[in-house]
C-alpha atoms as a PDB file:
ATOM      1  CA  MET A   1      23.414  91.906-175.492  1.00  0.00           C
ATOM      2  CA  THR A   2      26.317  90.399-177.405  1.00  0.00           C
ATOM      3  CA  HIS A   3      28.784  92.380-179.494  1.00  0.00           C
ATOM      4  CA  ASP A   4      27.094  91.097-182.660  1.00  0.00           C
ATOM      5  CA  GLU A   5      23.698  92.289-181.448  1.00  0.00           C
ATOM      6  CA  LEU A   6      25.176  95.649-180.483  1.00  0.00           C
ATOM      7  CA  ALA A   7      26.840  95.939-183.894  1.00  0.00           C
ATOM      8  CA  ALA A   8      23.496  95.171-185.530  1.00  0.00           C
ATOM      9  CA  ARG A   9      21.748  97.846-183.442  1.00  0.00           C
ATOM     10  CA  ILE A  10      24.418 100.359-184.401  1.00  0.00           C
ATOM     11  CA  ALA A  11      24.027  99.420-188.060  1.00  0.00           C
ATOM     12  CA  GLN A  12      20.268 100.068-187.829  1.00  0.00           C
ATOM     13  CA  SER A  13      20.706 103.600-186.519  1.00  0.00           C
ATOM     14  CA  PRO A  14      22.130 106.290-188.801  1.00  0.00           C
ATOM     15  CA  LYS A  15      23.080 108.444-185.798  1.00  0.00           C
ATOM     16  CA  LEU A  16      24.941 105.617-184.091  1.00  0.00           C
ATOM     17  CA  GLN A  17      26.661 104.717-187.377  1.00  0.00           C
ATOM     18  CA  LYS A  18      27.815 108.309-187.660  1.00  0.00           C
ATOM     19  CA  LEU A  19      28.995 108.198-184.029  1.00  0.00           C
ATOM     20  CA  GLN A  20      30.914 105.000-184.752  1.00  0.00           C
ATOM     21  CA  SER A  21      32.624 106.471-187.818  1.00  0.00           C
ATOM     22  CA  LYS A  22      33.464 109.711-185.972  1.00  0.00           C
ATOM     23  CA  LEU A  23      34.939 107.671-183.135  1.00  0.00           C
ATOM     24  CA  LEU A  24      37.056 105.643-185.547  1.00  0.00           C
ATOM     25  CA  ASP A  25      38.246 108.813-187.309  1.00  0.00           C
ATOM     26  CA  GLU A  26      39.087 110.482-183.999  1.00  0.00           C
ATOM     27  CA  ILE A  27      41.052 107.471-182.760  1.00  0.00           C
ATOM     28  CA  GLN A  28      42.972 107.184-186.017  1.00  0.00           C
ATOM     29  CA  PHE A  29      43.783 110.887-185.774  1.00  0.00           C
ATOM     30  CA  ARG A  30      45.216 110.393-182.276  1.00  0.00           C
ATOM     31  CA  VAL A  31      47.275 107.229-182.856  1.00  0.00           C
ATOM     32  CA  ASP A  32      50.250 106.380-184.994  1.00  0.00           C
ATOM     33  CA  ASN A  33      49.448 105.219-188.528  1.00  0.00           C
ATOM     34  CA  SER A  34      50.862 101.792-187.699  1.00  0.00           C
ATOM     35  CA  VAL A  35      47.950 101.084-185.327  1.00  0.00           C
ATOM     36  CA  GLN A  36      45.236  99.115-187.083  1.00  0.00           C
ATOM     37  CA  LEU A  37      41.851  99.114-185.348  1.00  0.00           C
ATOM     38  CA  ASP A  38      39.222  96.638-186.401  1.00  0.00           C
ATOM     39  CA  PRO A  39      35.477  97.385-186.280  1.00  0.00           C
ATOM     40  CA  VAL A  40      35.096  95.031-183.313  1.00  0.00           C
ATOM     41  CA  THR A  41      37.311  97.318-181.217  1.00  0.00           C
ATOM     42  CA  ILE A  42      35.101 100.308-182.022  1.00  0.00           C
ATOM     43  CA  VAL A  43      31.999  98.295-181.083  1.00  0.00           C
ATOM     44  CA  MET A  44      33.750  97.326-177.843  1.00  0.00           C
ATOM     45  CA  ILE A  45      34.369 101.004-177.067  1.00  0.00           C
ATOM     46  CA  ILE A  46      30.713 101.804-177.680  1.00  0.00           C
ATOM     47  CA  SER A  47      29.794  98.795-175.527  1.00  0.00           C
ATOM     48  CA  ILE A  48      31.903 100.188-172.682  1.00  0.00           C
ATOM     49  CA  ILE A  49      30.189 103.567-173.030  1.00  0.00           C
ATOM     50  CA  VAL A  50      26.765 101.894-173.019  1.00  0.00           C
ATOM     51  CA  GLN A  51      27.669  99.884-169.903  1.00  0.00           C
ATOM     52  CA  ILE A  52      28.750 103.065-168.127  1.00  0.00           C
ATOM     53  CA  VAL A  53      25.495 104.770-169.154  1.00  0.00           C
ATOM     54  CA  ILE A  54      23.518 101.781-167.829  1.00  0.00           C
ATOM     55  CA  HIS A  55      25.314 102.107-164.511  1.00  0.00           C
ATOM     56  CA  CYS A  56      24.798 105.872-164.322  1.00  0.00           C
ATOM     57  CA  ARG A  57      21.192 106.027-165.471  1.00  0.00           C
ATOM     58  CA  GLU A  58      20.003 104.492-162.213  1.00  0.00           C
ATOM     59  CA  LYS A  59      21.179 107.593-160.379  1.00  0.00           C
ATOM     60  CA  ARG A  60      20.773 110.314-162.993  1.00  0.00           C
ATOM     61  CA  SER A  61      18.098 111.612-165.350  1.00  0.00           C
ATOM     62  CA  VAL A  62      18.509 111.494-169.129  1.00  0.00           C
ATOM     63  CA  ASP A  63      19.099 115.246-169.278  1.00  0.00           C
ATOM     64  CA  ASP A  64      21.784 114.988-166.589  1.00  0.00           C
ATOM     65  CA  LEU A  65      23.458 112.137-168.477  1.00  0.00           C
ATOM     66  CA  VAL A  66      23.440 114.147-171.700  1.00  0.00           C
ATOM     67  CA  GLN A  67      25.027 117.085-169.885  1.00  0.00           C
ATOM     68  CA  ASP A  68      27.629 114.833-168.244  1.00  0.00           C
ATOM     69  CA  ILE A  69      28.584 113.346-171.609  1.00  0.00           C
ATOM     70  CA  ARG A  70      28.863 116.804-173.156  1.00  0.00           C
ATOM     71  CA  ASP A  71      31.032 118.034-170.243  1.00  0.00           C
ATOM     72  CA  VAL A  72      32.999 114.821-169.749  1.00  0.00           C
ATOM     73  CA  ARG A  73      36.385 116.537-169.368  1.00  0.00           C
ATOM     74  CA  SER A  74      35.149 118.736-166.538  1.00  0.00           C
ATOM     75  CA  LEU A  75      33.695 115.885-164.469  1.00  0.00           C
ATOM     76  CA  PRO A  76      35.554 114.963-161.286  1.00  0.00           C
ATOM     77  CA  PRO A  77      38.080 112.154-161.874  1.00  0.00           C
ATOM     78  CA  ARG A  78      36.311 109.925-159.346  1.00  0.00           C
ATOM     79  CA  ARG A  79      33.238 109.836-161.609  1.00  0.00           C
ATOM     80  CA  LEU A  80      35.322 108.679-164.574  1.00  0.00           C
ATOM     81  CA  VAL A  81      37.249 105.873-162.882  1.00  0.00           C
ATOM     82  CA  ARG A  82      35.222 103.059-164.460  1.00  0.00           C
ATOM     83  CA  LEU A  83      35.444 104.565-167.959  1.00  0.00           C
ATOM     84  CA  ARG A  84      39.192 105.165-167.680  1.00  0.00           C
ATOM     85  CA  ARG A  85      39.897 101.685-166.332  1.00  0.00           C
ATOM     86  CA  ARG A  86      37.910  99.904-169.015  1.00  0.00           C
ATOM     87  CA  LEU A  87      39.321 101.952-171.884  1.00  0.00           C
ATOM     88  CA  ASN A  88      42.853 101.565-170.520  1.00  0.00           C
ATOM     89  CA  ALA A  89      42.367  97.787-170.339  1.00  0.00           C
ATOM     90  CA  LEU A  90      40.997  97.723-173.895  1.00  0.00           C
ATOM     91  CA  TRP A  91      43.923  99.816-175.161  1.00  0.00           C
ATOM     92  CA  HIS A  92      46.379  97.548-173.379  1.00  0.00           C
ATOM     93  CA  ASN A  93      44.757  94.356-174.729  1.00  0.00           C
ATOM     94  CA  CYS A  94      44.128  95.461-178.305  1.00  0.00           C
ATOM     95  CA  CYS A  95      47.080  97.697-178.987  1.00  0.00           C
ATOM     96  CA  ALA A  96      49.821  96.584-176.600  1.00  0.00           C
ATOM     97  CA  ASP A  97      52.343  96.318-179.456  1.00  0.00           C
ATOM     98  CA  TYR A  98      51.910 100.008-180.333  1.00  0.00           C
ATOM     99  CA  GLN A  99      52.176 101.547-176.878  1.00  0.00           C
ATOM    100  CA  SER A 100      55.289 103.568-176.372  1.00  0.00           C
ATOM    101  CA  GLY A 101      55.413 104.574-172.722  1.00  0.00           C
ATOM    102  CA  VAL A 102      53.669 104.059-169.416  1.00  0.00           C
ATOM    103  CA  GLY A 103      52.885 107.745-168.983  1.00  0.00           C
ATOM    104  CA  ASP A 104      51.411 108.191-172.449  1.00  0.00           C
ATOM    105  CA  VAL A 105      47.809 109.301-172.747  1.00  0.00           C
ATOM    106  CA  ASN A 106      45.360 106.631-173.853  1.00  0.00           C
ATOM    107  CA  PRO A 107      44.138 107.725-177.318  1.00  0.00           C
ATOM    108  CA  LEU A 108      40.891 105.766-176.884  1.00  0.00           C
ATOM    109  CA  LEU A 109      40.007 107.789-173.815  1.00  0.00           C
ATOM    110  CA  THR A 110      40.968 111.065-175.458  1.00  0.00           C
ATOM    111  CA  ALA A 111      38.864 110.185-178.513  1.00  0.00           C
ATOM    112  CA  VAL A 112      35.851 109.309-176.340  1.00  0.00           C
ATOM    113  CA  TYR A 113      36.197 112.650-174.535  1.00  0.00           C
ATOM    114  CA  GLU A 114      36.359 114.505-177.845  1.00  0.00           C
ATOM    115  CA  ILE A 115      33.371 112.668-179.317  1.00  0.00           C
ATOM    116  CA  GLY A 116      31.347 113.277-176.151  1.00  0.00           C
ATOM    117  CA  GLU A 117      31.998 116.996-176.317  1.00  0.00           C
ATOM    118  CA  ASN A 118      31.259 117.284-180.037  1.00  0.00           C
ATOM    119  CA  SER A 119      28.216 115.015-180.395  1.00  0.00           C
ATOM    120  CA  ASP A 120      24.789 116.530-180.699  1.00  0.00           C
ATOM    121  CA  ASP A 121      22.116 115.904-178.080  1.00  0.00           C
ATOM    122  CA  ASP A 122      20.048 113.657-180.380  1.00  0.00           C
ATOM    123  CA  THR A 123      22.976 111.273-180.901  1.00  0.00           C
ATOM    124  CA  ILE A 124      23.701 111.164-177.180  1.00  0.00           C
ATOM    125  CA  LYS A 125      20.034 110.503-176.432  1.00  0.00           C
ATOM    126  CA  GLU A 126      20.042 107.680-178.965  1.00  0.00           C
ATOM    127  CA  LEU A 127      23.059 106.174-177.211  1.00  0.00           C
ATOM    128  CA  ILE A 128      21.225 106.468-173.877  1.00  0.00           C
ATOM    129  CA  ALA A 129      18.133 104.852-175.447  1.00  0.00           C
ATOM    130  CA  LEU A 130      20.325 101.975-176.607  1.00  0.00           C
ATOM    131  CA  ALA A 131      21.500 101.563-173.020  1.00  0.00           C
ATOM    132  CA  GLN A 132      17.920 101.591-171.778  1.00  0.00           C
ATOM    133  CA  ASP A 133      17.041  98.736-174.138  1.00  0.00           C
ATOM    134  CA  MET A 134      19.757  96.546-172.689  1.00  0.00           C
END
């Protein structure tokens, strides 16, 4: 599925649209006002999440995936390596001009953690269903 197709699928779902806007709001809350994020970057973040869900769904049930997303901060770091690497690469590629230090926390990753913890089960299940359609 291309980014345009994913953006269209998100636009068709009110829950995924709300997730996208909450993600954008959370990222803008965590970054400096000089950082300008375009909608394509948000779709890329959702695409990364969907790809991770696709990888994990082979080994885990839907209920386990929902619980893992809700408790993302308490998961062992080894289970989050792929998510961290991809979001760090996206942050580096899209916002390299705005990064201040090597040891700084990636605001994209922090925003994804926050959204995962605060999303309702129906929205998470819709995200998992999107991954199952891919």
